[in-house]
N, C-alpha and C. Protein backbone atom coordinates (compact mmCIF):
# COMPACT_ATOMS: atom_id res chain seq x y z
N MET A 1 68.15 86.80 103.15
CA MET A 1 69.47 86.34 103.57
C MET A 1 70.44 86.45 102.40
N VAL A 2 71.63 86.96 102.67
CA VAL A 2 72.63 87.17 101.64
C VAL A 2 73.60 86.00 101.63
N ALA A 3 73.79 85.40 100.47
CA ALA A 3 74.81 84.35 100.34
C ALA A 3 76.18 85.01 100.34
N PRO A 4 77.23 84.31 100.81
CA PRO A 4 78.53 84.95 100.99
C PRO A 4 79.18 85.50 99.74
N ASN A 5 78.82 85.04 98.58
CA ASN A 5 79.48 85.54 97.38
C ASN A 5 78.56 86.36 96.49
N THR A 6 77.47 86.88 97.05
CA THR A 6 76.53 87.65 96.24
C THR A 6 76.54 89.13 96.59
N PHE A 7 77.65 89.58 97.15
CA PHE A 7 77.77 91.00 97.47
C PHE A 7 79.13 91.50 97.00
N GLU A 8 79.23 92.80 96.86
CA GLU A 8 80.46 93.41 96.38
C GLU A 8 81.29 93.92 97.55
N VAL A 9 82.58 93.70 97.46
CA VAL A 9 83.53 94.25 98.43
C VAL A 9 84.18 95.45 97.76
N HIS A 10 84.18 96.56 98.46
CA HIS A 10 84.77 97.79 97.94
C HIS A 10 86.01 98.14 98.75
N HIS A 11 87.10 98.39 98.04
CA HIS A 11 88.32 98.83 98.70
C HIS A 11 88.25 100.35 98.80
N GLN A 12 88.43 100.85 100.00
CA GLN A 12 88.47 102.30 100.24
C GLN A 12 89.85 102.64 100.81
N PRO A 13 90.85 102.74 99.92
CA PRO A 13 92.22 102.98 100.39
C PRO A 13 92.37 104.28 101.17
N GLU A 14 91.55 105.27 100.86
CA GLU A 14 91.63 106.55 101.58
C GLU A 14 91.23 106.39 103.05
N HIS A 15 90.51 105.31 103.35
CA HIS A 15 90.11 105.01 104.73
C HIS A 15 90.77 103.74 105.25
N SER A 16 91.68 103.17 104.45
CA SER A 16 92.41 101.94 104.82
C SER A 16 91.46 100.83 105.25
N ARG A 17 90.51 100.53 104.36
CA ARG A 17 89.54 99.49 104.71
C ARG A 17 88.92 98.87 103.47
N PHE A 18 88.37 97.67 103.67
CA PHE A 18 87.55 96.97 102.70
C PHE A 18 86.15 96.91 103.30
N VAL A 19 85.14 97.22 102.49
CA VAL A 19 83.78 97.34 103.01
C VAL A 19 82.79 96.61 102.10
N ALA A 20 81.82 95.95 102.73
CA ALA A 20 80.66 95.42 102.03
C ALA A 20 79.44 95.92 102.79
N ASN A 21 78.53 96.56 102.09
CA ASN A 21 77.30 97.03 102.72
C ASN A 21 76.22 96.01 102.43
N ILE A 22 75.72 95.38 103.49
CA ILE A 22 74.73 94.32 103.35
C ILE A 22 73.53 94.68 104.22
N ASP A 23 72.39 94.70 103.61
CA ASP A 23 71.15 95.04 104.32
C ASP A 23 71.30 96.37 105.07
N GLY A 24 72.02 97.32 104.45
CA GLY A 24 72.18 98.64 105.04
C GLY A 24 73.21 98.71 106.16
N LYS A 25 73.95 97.63 106.36
CA LYS A 25 74.96 97.60 107.44
C LYS A 25 76.34 97.38 106.83
N ASP A 26 77.32 98.15 107.32
CA ASP A 26 78.69 98.00 106.84
C ASP A 26 79.41 96.87 107.55
N CYS A 27 80.06 96.03 106.76
CA CYS A 27 80.95 94.99 107.24
C CYS A 27 82.34 95.44 106.78
N VAL A 28 83.33 95.41 107.68
CA VAL A 28 84.58 96.10 107.40
C VAL A 28 85.80 95.30 107.86
N VAL A 29 86.84 95.34 107.02
CA VAL A 29 88.18 94.93 107.43
C VAL A 29 89.03 96.20 107.36
N ARG A 30 89.65 96.54 108.49
CA ARG A 30 90.52 97.72 108.57
C ARG A 30 91.98 97.28 108.57
N TYR A 31 92.81 98.09 107.94
CA TYR A 31 94.23 97.77 107.87
C TYR A 31 95.07 99.04 107.93
N GLN A 32 96.37 98.84 108.10
CA GLN A 32 97.33 99.93 108.05
C GLN A 32 98.55 99.42 107.30
N ILE A 33 99.06 100.21 106.39
CA ILE A 33 100.26 99.82 105.66
C ILE A 33 101.43 100.60 106.21
N ASP A 34 102.46 99.86 106.55
CA ASP A 34 103.69 100.44 107.09
C ASP A 34 104.84 99.83 106.30
N GLY A 35 105.40 100.62 105.39
CA GLY A 35 106.47 100.10 104.54
C GLY A 35 105.96 99.00 103.65
N ASP A 36 106.53 97.80 103.80
CA ASP A 36 106.11 96.68 102.97
C ASP A 36 105.21 95.70 103.72
N THR A 37 104.57 96.19 104.78
CA THR A 37 103.71 95.33 105.60
C THR A 37 102.31 95.90 105.72
N MET A 38 101.32 95.02 105.51
CA MET A 38 99.92 95.38 105.74
C MET A 38 99.54 94.77 107.09
N HIS A 39 99.23 95.63 108.04
CA HIS A 39 98.76 95.19 109.36
C HIS A 39 97.23 95.14 109.28
N VAL A 40 96.67 93.94 109.38
CA VAL A 40 95.21 93.80 109.36
C VAL A 40 94.76 93.99 110.80
N LEU A 41 94.06 95.09 111.05
CA LEU A 41 93.76 95.55 112.41
C LEU A 41 92.46 94.98 112.99
N SER A 42 91.41 94.91 112.17
CA SER A 42 90.13 94.45 112.71
C SER A 42 89.21 94.00 111.59
N THR A 43 88.30 93.12 111.97
CA THR A 43 87.24 92.66 111.08
C THR A 43 85.94 92.83 111.85
N THR A 44 85.00 93.56 111.25
CA THR A 44 83.74 93.84 111.93
C THR A 44 82.56 93.45 111.05
N VAL A 45 81.74 92.55 111.58
CA VAL A 45 80.49 92.17 110.92
C VAL A 45 79.40 92.30 111.99
N PRO A 46 78.36 93.09 111.73
CA PRO A 46 77.29 93.23 112.72
C PRO A 46 76.73 91.86 113.12
N PRO A 47 76.40 91.69 114.40
CA PRO A 47 75.91 90.39 114.89
C PRO A 47 74.77 89.80 114.06
N VAL A 48 73.87 90.62 113.56
CA VAL A 48 72.73 90.12 112.78
C VAL A 48 73.18 89.47 111.47
N LEU A 49 74.40 89.78 111.01
CA LEU A 49 74.91 89.24 109.74
C LEU A 49 75.95 88.14 109.93
N GLU A 50 76.28 87.82 111.15
CA GLU A 50 77.31 86.81 111.41
C GLU A 50 76.89 85.43 110.91
N GLY A 51 77.89 84.61 110.63
CA GLY A 51 77.64 83.23 110.23
C GLY A 51 77.33 83.04 108.76
N ARG A 52 77.53 84.06 107.95
CA ARG A 52 77.21 83.98 106.52
C ARG A 52 78.46 83.96 105.64
N GLY A 53 79.63 83.93 106.26
CA GLY A 53 80.87 83.90 105.49
C GLY A 53 81.34 85.27 105.01
N ILE A 54 80.72 86.32 105.52
CA ILE A 54 81.05 87.67 105.07
C ILE A 54 82.46 88.06 105.48
N ALA A 55 82.85 87.76 106.70
CA ALA A 55 84.19 88.09 107.17
C ALA A 55 85.25 87.40 106.33
N ALA A 56 84.98 86.16 105.94
CA ALA A 56 85.94 85.42 105.11
C ALA A 56 86.11 86.07 103.74
N VAL A 57 85.02 86.51 103.14
CA VAL A 57 85.10 87.16 101.83
C VAL A 57 85.88 88.47 101.93
N LEU A 58 85.60 89.26 102.97
CA LEU A 58 86.34 90.51 103.18
C LEU A 58 87.82 90.24 103.41
N THR A 59 88.12 89.23 104.20
CA THR A 59 89.51 88.89 104.50
C THR A 59 90.24 88.44 103.24
N ARG A 60 89.59 87.62 102.43
CA ARG A 60 90.21 87.19 101.16
C ARG A 60 90.53 88.40 100.28
N ALA A 61 89.63 89.37 100.24
CA ALA A 61 89.86 90.57 99.43
C ALA A 61 91.08 91.34 99.95
N ALA A 62 91.19 91.47 101.26
CA ALA A 62 92.33 92.18 101.85
C ALA A 62 93.63 91.44 101.57
N LEU A 63 93.62 90.12 101.72
CA LEU A 63 94.83 89.33 101.47
C LEU A 63 95.22 89.35 100.00
N ALA A 64 94.23 89.33 99.11
CA ALA A 64 94.50 89.41 97.68
C ALA A 64 95.16 90.75 97.34
N TYR A 65 94.66 91.82 97.95
CA TYR A 65 95.26 93.13 97.74
C TYR A 65 96.71 93.15 98.21
N ALA A 66 96.96 92.59 99.39
CA ALA A 66 98.34 92.53 99.91
C ALA A 66 99.23 91.77 98.93
N ASP A 67 98.75 90.65 98.41
CA ASP A 67 99.53 89.88 97.44
C ASP A 67 99.81 90.69 96.18
N GLU A 68 98.77 91.37 95.67
CA GLU A 68 98.92 92.18 94.45
C GLU A 68 99.95 93.28 94.63
N GLN A 69 100.03 93.82 95.84
CA GLN A 69 100.94 94.93 96.13
C GLN A 69 102.31 94.45 96.62
N GLY A 70 102.48 93.14 96.77
CA GLY A 70 103.75 92.59 97.25
C GLY A 70 103.99 92.88 98.73
N LEU A 71 102.91 92.96 99.51
CA LEU A 71 103.02 93.30 100.93
C LEU A 71 103.03 92.04 101.79
N GLN A 72 103.81 92.07 102.85
CA GLN A 72 103.73 91.06 103.89
C GLN A 72 102.47 91.34 104.70
N VAL A 73 101.91 90.34 105.35
CA VAL A 73 100.71 90.52 106.15
C VAL A 73 101.02 90.25 107.61
N ASN A 74 100.67 91.21 108.46
CA ASN A 74 100.77 91.05 109.91
C ASN A 74 99.34 91.00 110.43
N PRO A 75 98.85 89.80 110.79
CA PRO A 75 97.46 89.67 111.23
C PRO A 75 97.29 90.05 112.70
N VAL A 76 97.01 91.31 112.95
CA VAL A 76 96.75 91.78 114.31
C VAL A 76 95.36 91.33 114.75
N CYS A 77 94.43 91.34 113.84
CA CYS A 77 93.03 90.95 114.08
C CYS A 77 92.93 89.46 114.39
N THR A 78 92.21 89.12 115.45
CA THR A 78 92.09 87.70 115.83
C THR A 78 91.35 86.89 114.76
N TYR A 79 90.39 87.50 114.07
CA TYR A 79 89.72 86.77 113.00
C TYR A 79 90.71 86.43 111.89
N THR A 80 91.55 87.39 111.52
CA THR A 80 92.53 87.15 110.45
C THR A 80 93.52 86.08 110.86
N VAL A 81 93.93 86.07 112.12
CA VAL A 81 94.83 85.02 112.61
C VAL A 81 94.17 83.65 112.42
N ALA A 82 92.92 83.53 112.84
CA ALA A 82 92.19 82.26 112.71
C ALA A 82 92.00 81.89 111.24
N TYR A 83 91.68 82.88 110.41
CA TYR A 83 91.48 82.63 108.98
C TYR A 83 92.75 82.06 108.37
N LEU A 84 93.89 82.66 108.69
CA LEU A 84 95.16 82.21 108.12
C LEU A 84 95.55 80.82 108.62
N ARG A 85 95.14 80.47 109.83
CA ARG A 85 95.38 79.09 110.30
C ARG A 85 94.59 78.09 109.47
N ARG A 86 93.36 78.45 109.15
CA ARG A 86 92.50 77.56 108.36
C ARG A 86 92.85 77.56 106.87
N HIS A 87 93.42 78.68 106.41
CA HIS A 87 93.75 78.85 104.98
C HIS A 87 95.18 79.37 104.84
N PRO A 88 96.16 78.51 105.07
CA PRO A 88 97.55 78.97 104.97
C PRO A 88 97.85 79.51 103.57
N ARG A 89 98.71 80.50 103.53
CA ARG A 89 99.05 81.13 102.25
C ARG A 89 100.30 80.53 101.70
């Protein structure tokens, strides 16, 4: 079992995504940048890996990147909407 902070998140800007490969499975946050806005489109964690905080770690990485780049965030993804309700910026 992987603890939520014991894996690396990789930014793949050429694919507009943040990825963590855990137990051979990709966990992904996809986004699109339009002008000064980062649209967070989806968060995908395979069912076998759910409940470990992986989506939260990926989402934090995406939001940190948006902050570093001075981008507004448009949370299209329902997970990101819920995350931002629990963790206002």
